[in-house]
C-alpha atoms as a PDB file:
ATOM      1  CA  MET A   1       0.000   0.000   0.000  1.00  0.00           C
ATOM      2  CA  ASP A   2       2.924   2.377   0.670  1.00  0.00           C
ATOM      3  CA  LEU A   3       4.123   2.052  -2.956  1.00  0.00           C
ATOM      4  CA  TYR A   4       0.559   2.606  -4.148  1.00  0.00           C
ATOM      5  CA  LEU A   5       0.355   5.863  -2.189  1.00  0.00           C
ATOM      6  CA  ARG A   6       3.809   7.095  -3.268  1.00  0.00           C
ATOM      7  CA  VAL A   7       2.982   6.569  -6.949  1.00  0.00           C
ATOM      8  CA  ARG A   8      -0.337   8.414  -6.642  1.00  0.00           C
ATOM      9  CA  LEU A   9       1.250  11.349  -4.804  1.00  0.00           C
ATOM     10  CA  ALA A  10       4.132  11.541  -7.288  1.00  0.00           C
ATOM     11  CA  CYS A  11       1.805  11.732 -10.299  1.00  0.00           C
ATOM     12  CA  HIS A  12      -1.276  13.534  -8.973  1.00  0.00           C
ATOM     13  CA  VAL A  13       0.484  16.001  -6.650  1.00  0.00           C
ATOM     14  CA  ASP A  14       4.101  16.339  -7.850  1.00  0.00           C
ATOM     15  CA  GLY A  15       3.214  16.164 -11.560  1.00  0.00           C
ATOM     16  CA  LEU A  16       5.341  13.166 -12.556  1.00  0.00           C
ATOM     17  CA  SER A  17       4.381  11.571 -15.878  1.00  0.00           C
ATOM     18  CA  GLN A  18       3.397   7.911 -16.010  1.00  0.00           C
ATOM     19  CA  ARG A  19       6.643   7.116 -17.835  1.00  0.00           C
ATOM     20  CA  GLU A  20       8.733   8.919 -15.186  1.00  0.00           C
ATOM     21  CA  ALA A  21       6.835   7.203 -12.358  1.00  0.00           C
ATOM     22  CA  ALA A  22       7.359   3.772 -13.934  1.00  0.00           C
ATOM     23  CA  SER A  23      11.092   4.464 -14.143  1.00  0.00           C
ATOM     24  CA  ARG A  24      11.400   5.911 -10.632  1.00  0.00           C
ATOM     25  CA  PHE A  25       9.518   3.110  -8.886  1.00  0.00           C
ATOM     26  CA  GLY A  26      10.649   0.236 -11.110  1.00  0.00           C
ATOM     27  CA  ILE A  27       7.176  -0.848 -12.223  1.00  0.00           C
ATOM     28  CA  ALA A  28       5.425  -1.197 -15.581  1.00  0.00           C
ATOM     29  CA  ARG A  29       3.594   1.795 -17.099  1.00  0.00           C
ATOM     30  CA  GLU A  30       0.409  -0.291 -17.188  1.00  0.00           C
ATOM     31  CA  THR A  31       0.762  -0.776 -13.424  1.00  0.00           C
ATOM     32  CA  VAL A  32       1.168   2.974 -12.968  1.00  0.00           C
ATOM     33  CA  LYS A  33      -1.957   3.572 -15.045  1.00  0.00           C
ATOM     34  CA  LYS A  34      -3.952   1.147 -12.893  1.00  0.00           C
ATOM     35  CA  ILE A  35      -2.692   2.736  -9.663  1.00  0.00           C
ATOM     36  CA  LEU A  36      -3.772   6.178 -10.857  1.00  0.00           C
ATOM     37  CA  ARG A  37      -7.200   4.885 -11.826  1.00  0.00           C
ATOM     38  CA  TYR A  38      -8.111   3.538  -8.365  1.00  0.00           C
ATOM     39  CA  THR A  39      -7.591   5.069  -4.911  1.00  0.00           C
ATOM     40  CA  GLU A  40      -6.831   1.615  -3.487  1.00  0.00           C
ATOM     41  CA  PRO A  41      -5.860  -1.732  -5.045  1.00  0.00           C
ATOM     42  CA  PRO A  42      -8.990  -2.814  -6.917  1.00  0.00           C
ATOM     43  CA  GLY A  43     -10.876  -5.841  -5.715  1.00  0.00           C
ATOM     44  CA  TYR A  44     -14.618  -6.251  -6.057  1.00  0.00           C
ATOM     45  CA  ARG A  45     -16.170  -3.024  -7.360  1.00  0.00           C
ATOM     46  CA  ARG A  46     -19.869  -2.288  -7.784  1.00  0.00           C
ATOM     47  CA  ARG A  47     -20.991  -1.542 -11.320  1.00  0.00           C
ATOM     48  CA  GLN A  48     -23.852   0.568  -9.956  1.00  0.00           C
ATOM     49  CA  PRO A  49     -24.502   2.298  -6.591  1.00  0.00           C
ATOM     50  CA  ALA A  50     -26.109   0.078  -3.993  1.00  0.00           C
ATOM     51  CA  PRO A  51     -29.903   0.437  -3.983  1.00  0.00           C
ATOM     52  CA  ARG A  52     -31.461   2.321  -1.062  1.00  0.00           C
ATOM     53  CA  PRO A  53     -35.083   1.133  -1.084  1.00  0.00           C
ATOM     54  CA  LYS A  54     -36.094   3.148   1.991  1.00  0.00           C
ATOM     55  CA  LEU A  55     -34.403   6.403   0.973  1.00  0.00           C
ATOM     56  CA  ASP A  56     -34.575   6.533  -2.839  1.00  0.00           C
ATOM     57  CA  PRO A  57     -38.285   7.536  -2.991  1.00  0.00           C
ATOM     58  CA  PHE A  58     -37.457  10.570  -0.813  1.00  0.00           C
ATOM     59  CA  THR A  59     -34.278  11.944  -2.448  1.00  0.00           C
ATOM     60  CA  ASP A  60     -36.233  14.415  -4.602  1.00  0.00           C
ATOM     61  CA  ILE A  61     -37.777  15.840  -1.426  1.00  0.00           C
ATOM     62  CA  ILE A  62     -34.323  16.216   0.150  1.00  0.00           C
ATOM     63  CA  ASP A  63     -33.030  17.943  -2.998  1.00  0.00           C
ATOM     64  CA  ARG A  64     -35.966  20.344  -2.921  1.00  0.00           C
ATOM     65  CA  ILE A  65     -35.424  21.203   0.763  1.00  0.00           C
ATOM     66  CA  LEU A  66     -31.722  21.880   0.189  1.00  0.00           C
ATOM     67  CA  ALA A  67     -32.466  23.994  -2.899  1.00  0.00           C
ATOM     68  CA  ASP A  68     -34.985  26.076  -0.925  1.00  0.00           C
ATOM     69  CA  ASP A  69     -32.423  26.527   1.853  1.00  0.00           C
ATOM     70  CA  ARG A  70     -30.174  28.505  -0.491  1.00  0.00           C
ATOM     71  CA  THR A  71     -32.763  31.297  -0.545  1.00  0.00           C
ATOM     72  CA  VAL A  72     -33.143  31.718   3.242  1.00  0.00           C
ATOM     73  CA  HIS A  73     -30.955  33.073   6.041  1.00  0.00           C
ATOM     74  CA  ARG A  74     -27.998  30.803   6.828  1.00  0.00           C
ATOM     75  CA  LYS A  75     -29.131  30.287  10.441  1.00  0.00           C
ATOM     76  CA  GLN A  76     -32.589  29.121   9.303  1.00  0.00           C
ATOM     77  CA  ARG A  77     -31.402  26.348   7.012  1.00  0.00           C
ATOM     78  CA  HIS A  78     -32.226  22.716   7.690  1.00  0.00           C
ATOM     79  CA  THR A  79     -29.867  20.498   9.660  1.00  0.00           C
ATOM     80  CA  SER A  80     -29.714  16.808   8.743  1.00  0.00           C
ATOM     81  CA  LYS A  81     -31.767  16.056  11.858  1.00  0.00           C
ATOM     82  CA  ARG A  82     -34.481  18.527  10.868  1.00  0.00           C
ATOM     83  CA  ILE A  83     -34.696  17.035   7.366  1.00  0.00           C
ATOM     84  CA  PHE A  84     -35.002  13.565   8.910  1.00  0.00           C
ATOM     85  CA  ASP A  85     -37.787  14.772  11.217  1.00  0.00           C
ATOM     86  CA  ARG A  86     -39.704  16.298   8.307  1.00  0.00           C
ATOM     87  CA  LEU A  87     -39.368  13.189   6.146  1.00  0.00           C
ATOM     88  CA  ARG A  88     -40.681  11.072   9.001  1.00  0.00           C
ATOM     89  CA  ASP A  89     -43.481  13.388  10.158  1.00  0.00           C
ATOM     90  CA  GLU A  90     -44.653  14.871   6.843  1.00  0.00           C
ATOM     91  CA  HIS A  91     -43.880  12.171   4.279  1.00  0.00           C
ATOM     92  CA  GLY A  92     -44.078   8.833   6.106  1.00  0.00           C
ATOM     93  CA  PHE A  93     -40.359   7.983   5.933  1.00  0.00           C
ATOM     94  CA  THR A  94     -39.575   4.833   7.967  1.00  0.00           C
ATOM     95  CA  GLY A  95     -35.800   4.593   7.519  1.00  0.00           C
ATOM     96  CA  GLY A  96     -33.070   5.616   9.942  1.00  0.00           C
ATOM     97  CA  TYR A  97     -31.372   8.943  10.556  1.00  0.00           C
ATOM     98  CA  THR A  98     -27.924   7.846   9.363  1.00  0.00           C
ATOM     99  CA  ILE A  99     -28.891   7.243   5.732  1.00  0.00           C
ATOM    100  CA  VAL A 100     -30.531  10.677   5.600  1.00  0.00           C
ATOM    101  CA  LYS A 101     -27.458  12.329   7.144  1.00  0.00           C
ATOM    102  CA  ASN A 102     -25.143  10.626   4.639  1.00  0.00           C
ATOM    103  CA  CYS A 103     -27.348  11.684   1.725  1.00  0.00           C
ATOM    104  CA  VAL A 104     -27.403  15.315   2.893  1.00  0.00           C
ATOM    105  CA  ARG A 105     -23.615  15.246   3.365  1.00  0.00           C
ATOM    106  CA  ARG A 106     -23.091  14.054  -0.218  1.00  0.00           C
ATOM    107  CA  GLN A 107     -25.375  16.782  -1.528  1.00  0.00           C
ATOM    108  CA  HIS A 108     -23.535  19.481   0.408  1.00  0.00           C
ATOM    109  CA  ARG A 109     -20.119  18.443  -0.927  1.00  0.00           C
ATOM    110  CA  GLY A 110     -20.853  19.929  -4.333  1.00  0.00           C
ATOM    111  CA  GLN A 111     -22.355  23.150  -2.976  1.00  0.00           C
ATOM    112  CA  ARG A 112     -20.071  24.495  -0.259  1.00  0.00           C
ATOM    113  CA  GLU A 113     -17.415  27.123  -0.800  1.00  0.00           C
ATOM    114  CA  MET A 114     -13.952  26.825   0.698  1.00  0.00           C
ATOM    115  CA  PHE A 115     -13.267  29.104   3.673  1.00  0.00           C
ATOM    116  CA  VAL A 116      -9.749  29.635   2.250  1.00  0.00           C
ATOM    117  CA  PRO A 117      -7.807  28.194  -0.682  1.00  0.00           C
ATOM    118  CA  PRO A 118      -6.534  24.724   0.277  1.00  0.00           C
ATOM    119  CA  GLY A 119      -3.495  25.137   2.539  1.00  0.00           C
ATOM    120  CA  HIS A 120      -2.203  23.395   5.622  1.00  0.00           C
ATOM    121  CA  ALA A 121      -4.170  21.935   8.512  1.00  0.00           C
ATOM    122  CA  GLN A 122      -3.614  20.494  11.974  1.00  0.00           C
ATOM    123  CA  VAL A 123      -5.655  17.664  13.504  1.00  0.00           C
ATOM    124  CA  ASP A 124      -6.063  16.300  17.017  1.00  0.00           C
ATOM    125  CA  PHE A 125      -8.613  14.691  19.317  1.00  0.00           C
ATOM    126  CA  GLY A 126      -9.902  16.220  22.541  1.00  0.00           C
ATOM    127  CA  GLU A 127     -12.132  14.959  25.333  1.00  0.00           C
ATOM    128  CA  ALA A 128     -15.074  16.434  27.231  1.00  0.00           C
ATOM    129  CA  ASP A 129     -18.134  15.144  29.053  1.00  0.00           C
ATOM    130  CA  ALA A 130     -21.620  15.385  27.514  1.00  0.00           C
ATOM    131  CA  ILE A 131     -25.130  14.249  28.437  1.00  0.00           C
ATOM    132  CA  ILE A 132     -26.487  11.977  25.692  1.00  0.00           C
ATOM    133  CA  ALA A 133     -30.005  10.545  26.167  1.00  0.00           C
ATOM    134  CA  GLY A 134     -29.819  11.426  29.871  1.00  0.00           C
ATOM    135  CA  VAL A 135     -26.492   9.636  30.450  1.00  0.00           C
ATOM    136  CA  LYS A 136     -23.206  11.392  31.220  1.00  0.00           C
ATOM    137  CA  LEU A 137     -20.622  10.143  28.699  1.00  0.00           C
ATOM    138  CA  ARG A 138     -17.071  10.996  27.717  1.00  0.00           C
ATOM    139  CA  ALA A 139     -17.123  12.564  24.236  1.00  0.00           C
ATOM    140  CA  HIS A 140     -14.018  12.316  22.055  1.00  0.00           C
ATOM    141  CA  PHE A 141     -14.025  15.168  19.553  1.00  0.00           C
ATOM    142  CA  PHE A 142     -12.087  15.312  16.297  1.00  0.00           C
ATOM    143  CA  ALA A 143     -10.681  18.802  15.726  1.00  0.00           C
ATOM    144  CA  MET A 144      -9.327  20.135  12.424  1.00  0.00           C
ATOM    145  CA  SER A 145      -7.829  23.619  12.327  1.00  0.00           C
ATOM    146  CA  LEU A 146      -6.847  25.697   9.282  1.00  0.00           C
ATOM    147  CA  PRO A 147      -4.320  28.057  10.932  1.00  0.00           C
ATOM    148  CA  HIS A 148      -4.112  30.545   8.052  1.00  0.00           C
ATOM    149  CA  SER A 149      -7.819  31.390   8.125  1.00  0.00           C
ATOM    150  CA  ASP A 150      -8.524  30.362  11.749  1.00  0.00           C
ATOM    151  CA  ALA A 151     -11.386  28.177  10.464  1.00  0.00           C
ATOM    152  CA  CYS A 152     -12.123  24.952  12.311  1.00  0.00           C
ATOM    153  CA  PHE A 153     -14.317  21.887  12.280  1.00  0.00           C
ATOM    154  CA  ILE A 154     -15.349  19.771  15.272  1.00  0.00           C
ATOM    155  CA  VAL A 155     -17.201  16.454  15.370  1.00  0.00           C
ATOM    156  CA  ALA A 156     -17.755  14.251  18.439  1.00  0.00           C
ATOM    157  CA  TYR A 157     -17.703  10.446  18.808  1.00  0.00           C
ATOM    158  CA  PRO A 158     -18.112   7.929  21.639  1.00  0.00           C
ATOM    159  CA  ALA A 159     -14.473   6.826  21.140  1.00  0.00           C
ATOM    160  CA  ALA A 160     -11.354   8.032  19.303  1.00  0.00           C
ATOM    161  CA  ALA A 161     -11.142   4.793  17.308  1.00  0.00           C
ATOM    162  CA  THR A 162      -9.949   4.289  13.733  1.00  0.00           C
ATOM    163  CA  GLU A 163     -13.482   4.737  12.389  1.00  0.00           C
ATOM    164  CA  ALA A 164     -13.720   8.123  14.111  1.00  0.00           C
ATOM    165  CA  TRP A 165     -10.386   9.271  12.644  1.00  0.00           C
ATOM    166  CA  LEU A 166     -11.485   8.311   9.128  1.00  0.00           C
ATOM    167  CA  ASP A 167     -14.991   9.752   9.402  1.00  0.00           C
ATOM    168  CA  GLY A 168     -13.615  12.931  10.982  1.00  0.00           C
ATOM    169  CA  HIS A 169     -11.522  13.557   7.870  1.00  0.00           C
ATOM    170  CA  ASN A 170     -14.437  12.815   5.540  1.00  0.00           C
ATOM    171  CA  VAL A 171     -16.882  15.185   7.233  1.00  0.00           C
ATOM    172  CA  SER A 172     -14.219  17.898   7.704  1.00  0.00           C
ATOM    173  CA  PHE A 173     -13.346  17.921   4.002  1.00  0.00           C
ATOM    174  CA  ALA A 174     -17.046  18.050   3.151  1.00  0.00           C
ATOM    175  CA  PHE A 175     -17.549  20.978   5.556  1.00  0.00           C
ATOM    176  CA  PHE A 176     -14.612  22.974   4.175  1.00  0.00           C
ATOM    177  CA  GLY A 177     -15.412  22.062   0.571  1.00  0.00           C
ATOM    178  CA  GLY A 178     -11.862  20.913  -0.175  1.00  0.00           C
ATOM    179  CA  VAL A 179      -8.750  19.101   1.036  1.00  0.00           C
ATOM    180  CA  PRO A 180      -5.678  20.795   2.584  1.00  0.00           C
ATOM    181  CA  LEU A 181      -2.294  20.344   0.938  1.00  0.00           C
ATOM    182  CA  SER A 182      -0.895  18.881   4.149  1.00  0.00           C
ATOM    183  CA  ILE A 183      -2.068  17.912   7.645  1.00  0.00           C
ATOM    184  CA  LEU A 184       0.026  17.885  10.832  1.00  0.00           C
ATOM    185  CA  TYR A 185      -0.663  15.072  13.338  1.00  0.00           C
ATOM    186  CA  ASP A 186       0.706  13.521  16.463  1.00  0.00           C
ATOM    187  CA  ASN A 187       1.780   9.884  16.283  1.00  0.00           C
ATOM    188  CA  ASP A 188      -1.534   8.249  17.153  1.00  0.00           C
ATOM    189  CA  LYS A 189      -1.625   4.481  16.744  1.00  0.00           C
ATOM    190  CA  CYS A 190      -4.693   4.742  14.495  1.00  0.00           C
ATOM    191  CA  LEU A 191      -2.501   6.567  11.968  1.00  0.00           C
ATOM    192  CA  VAL A 192       1.046   5.351  12.602  1.00  0.00           C
ATOM    193  CA  ALA A 193       1.756   1.643  12.903  1.00  0.00           C
ATOM    194  CA  ARG A 194       5.340   2.311  13.998  1.00  0.00           C
ATOM    195  CA  ILE A 195       8.176   4.838  13.736  1.00  0.00           C
ATOM    196  CA  LEU A 196      11.218   3.420  11.973  1.00  0.00           C
ATOM    197  CA  ALA A 197      14.804   4.021  13.086  1.00  0.00           C
ATOM    198  CA  ASP A 198      15.274   6.850  10.568  1.00  0.00           C
ATOM    199  CA  GLY A 199      12.120   8.615  11.824  1.00  0.00           C
ATOM    200  CA  THR A 200       9.947   7.505   8.899  1.00  0.00           C
ATOM    201  CA  ARG A 201       6.347   6.770   9.858  1.00  0.00           C
ATOM    202  CA  GLN A 202       4.897   3.456   8.746  1.00  0.00           C
ATOM    203  CA  ARG A 203       1.228   4.284   8.238  1.00  0.00           C
ATOM    204  CA  THR A 204      -1.631   1.973   9.167  1.00  0.00           C
ATOM    205  CA  ARG A 205      -3.412   0.399   6.227  1.00  0.00           C
ATOM    206  CA  SER A 206      -6.682   2.254   6.830  1.00  0.00           C
ATOM    207  CA  PHE A 207      -4.934   5.640   7.013  1.00  0.00           C
ATOM    208  CA  SER A 208      -2.933   4.879   3.861  1.00  0.00           C
ATOM    209  CA  TRP A 209      -6.194   4.218   2.014  1.00  0.00           C
ATOM    210  CA  LEU A 210      -7.624   7.527   3.249  1.00  0.00           C
ATOM    211  CA  GLN A 211      -4.525   9.432   2.166  1.00  0.00           C
ATOM    212  CA  SER A 212      -4.424   7.680  -1.196  1.00  0.00           C
ATOM    213  CA  HIS A 213      -8.012   8.744  -1.843  1.00  0.00           C
ATOM    214  CA  TYR A 214      -7.644  12.419  -0.854  1.00  0.00           C
ATOM    215  CA  LEU A 215      -3.952  12.891  -1.787  1.00  0.00           C
ATOM    216  CA  PHE A 216      -2.814  15.164   1.044  1.00  0.00           C
ATOM    217  CA  GLU A 217       0.662  15.170   2.598  1.00  0.00           C
ATOM    218  CA  ASP A 218       0.905  13.888   6.172  1.00  0.00           C
ATOM    219  CA  ARG A 219       3.328  15.560   8.594  1.00  0.00           C
ATOM    220  CA  TYR A 220       3.994  14.638  12.231  1.00  0.00           C
ATOM    221  CA  GLY A 221       5.025  16.381  15.410  1.00  0.00           C
ATOM    222  CA  ARG A 222       7.881  15.099  17.531  1.00  0.00           C
ATOM    223  CA  PRO A 223       6.824  12.339  19.945  1.00  0.00           C
ATOM    224  CA  GLY A 224       5.801  13.906  23.255  1.00  0.00           C
ATOM    225  CA  LYS A 225       5.936  17.468  21.876  1.00  0.00           C
ATOM    226  CA  GLY A 226       2.304  18.624  21.778  1.00  0.00           C
ATOM    227  CA  ASN A 227       3.359  22.241  21.169  1.00  0.00           C
ATOM    228  CA  ASP A 228       4.403  21.246  17.617  1.00  0.00           C
ATOM    229  CA  LYS A 229       0.658  21.424  16.883  1.00  0.00           C
ATOM    230  CA  GLY A 230       0.089  24.598  18.854  1.00  0.00           C
ATOM    231  CA  LYS A 231      -2.865  25.860  16.814  1.00  0.00           C
ATOM    232  CA  VAL A 232      -5.030  22.762  17.112  1.00  0.00           C
ATOM    233  CA  GLU A 233      -3.969  22.210  20.738  1.00  0.00           C
ATOM    234  CA  GLY A 234      -5.295  25.696  21.463  1.00  0.00           C
ATOM    235  CA  LEU A 235      -8.458  24.925  19.509  1.00  0.00           C
ATOM    236  CA  VAL A 236      -9.139  21.821  21.631  1.00  0.00           C
ATOM    237  CA  GLY A 237      -9.033  23.955  24.783  1.00  0.00           C
ATOM    238  CA  PHE A 238     -11.218  26.643  23.203  1.00  0.00           C
ATOM    239  CA  VAL A 239     -13.833  24.079  22.190  1.00  0.00           C
ATOM    240  CA  ARG A 240     -13.903  22.540  25.671  1.00  0.00           C
ATOM    241  CA  ARG A 241     -14.377  25.951  27.320  1.00  0.00           C
ATOM    242  CA  ASN A 242     -16.796  27.492  24.823  1.00  0.00           C
ATOM    243  CA  PHE A 243     -18.662  24.764  22.916  1.00  0.00           C
ATOM    244  CA  MET A 244     -18.957  22.277  25.790  1.00  0.00           C
ATOM    245  CA  THR A 245     -19.446  24.450  28.875  1.00  0.00           C
ATOM    246  CA  PRO A 246     -21.945  23.922  30.442  1.00  0.00           C
ATOM    247  CA  LEU A 247     -22.205  20.210  29.641  1.00  0.00           C
ATOM    248  CA  PRO A 248     -23.964  19.708  26.280  1.00  0.00           C
ATOM    249  CA  ARG A 249     -27.286  17.848  26.545  1.00  0.00           C
ATOM    250  CA  PHE A 250     -28.747  16.023  23.539  1.00  0.00           C
ATOM    251  CA  GLU A 251     -30.881  12.991  22.887  1.00  0.00           C
ATOM    252  CA  ILE A 252     -28.605  11.589  20.157  1.00  0.00           C
ATOM    253  CA  TRP A 253     -25.011  12.078  18.983  1.00  0.00           C
ATOM    254  CA  GLU A 254     -26.191  13.374  15.607  1.00  0.00           C
ATOM    255  CA  ALA A 255     -28.018  16.295  17.227  1.00  0.00           C
ATOM    256  CA  PHE A 256     -24.894  17.051  19.285  1.00  0.00           C
ATOM    257  CA  ASN A 257     -22.803  17.173  16.110  1.00  0.00           C
ATOM    258  CA  ASP A 258     -25.320  19.352  14.280  1.00  0.00           C
ATOM    259  CA  ALA A 259     -24.923  21.863  17.130  1.00  0.00           C
ATOM    260  CA  LEU A 260     -21.121  21.675  16.867  1.00  0.00           C
ATOM    261  CA  VAL A 261     -21.336  22.488  13.142  1.00  0.00           C
ATOM    262  CA  GLY A 262     -23.326  25.595  14.064  1.00  0.00           C
ATOM    263  CA  HIS A 263     -20.678  26.614  16.600  1.00  0.00           C
ATOM    264  CA  CYS A 264     -17.934  26.218  13.964  1.00  0.00           C
ATOM    265  CA  ARG A 265     -19.805  28.388  11.470  1.00  0.00           C
ATOM    266  CA  ASN A 266     -20.536  31.078  14.065  1.00  0.00           C
ATOM    267  CA  ARG A 267     -16.896  31.147  15.175  1.00  0.00           C
ATOM    268  CA  HIS A 268     -15.747  31.596  11.595  1.00  0.00           C
ATOM    269  CA  ASN A 269     -18.297  34.351  10.944  1.00  0.00           C
ATOM    270  CA  VAL A 270     -17.149  36.258  14.048  1.00  0.00           C
ATOM    271  CA  SER A 271     -13.509  35.875  12.987  1.00  0.00           C
ATOM    272  CA  CYS A 272     -14.267  37.157   9.475  1.00  0.00           C
ATOM    273  CA  ALA A 273     -16.212  40.120  10.840  1.00  0.00           C
ATOM    274  CA  ALA A 274     -13.342  41.057  13.161  1.00  0.00           C
ATOM    275  CA  THR A 275     -10.824  40.826  10.321  1.00  0.00           C
ATOM    276  CA  ALA A 276     -12.973  43.042   8.066  1.00  0.00           C
ATOM    277  CA  ARG A 277     -13.055  45.913  10.594  1.00  0.00           C
END
């Protein structure tokens, strides 16, 4: 997988031709062509998108709601949870919230503007307590900071597991409307399988797949030196003090995360207003 990623970065990011890549990495040009065609080594691939029998009859309604939202004040637009509630209450939808949320996320990806041109980002996880469905739980929140513009994105999970790391990237890129050129991390075991003697990071397979798909450069702070990621470290503290004090109270995690999206947008709007003065 490491060779796969290096070939894709060399051609898609550094501008190497297929002939040059074949020569540099000692592989056939046909192999290079195949690597560039797929974000991960191809196995079984669907010829058509998987059917969604519960959601498909309602996608036109979702499209119409999102189209109408473009004509109203930003703070009065539908969240994913509100769209789900309307589908259930007004149109007889019987499916779950998650498939609605994923559909809305895909629709938003093609509509949102970047806060800044793609640059460099920092990522970390923080922790805070929250009340979910009446139970006090420890929330682990994924934090992505764009230091140049001071924009941020926060999303909370029950655990800082591999799935949360991967989903955090996906929803952050959708929120910002683009992918940074590089991202600075610590050496979390969900990302780094081990650090070799020369300091090279051996990525985990799941993180290599993510990077191969989005084609960003990964950079790492020194082990035990949290101040290498000073911007996102500061963001984690800010979020804990301002977004999660007093303790957030929600019935479901999705509603909690919808509120966090609102906080991120408001913070960016205040920052832009201050800069414009």
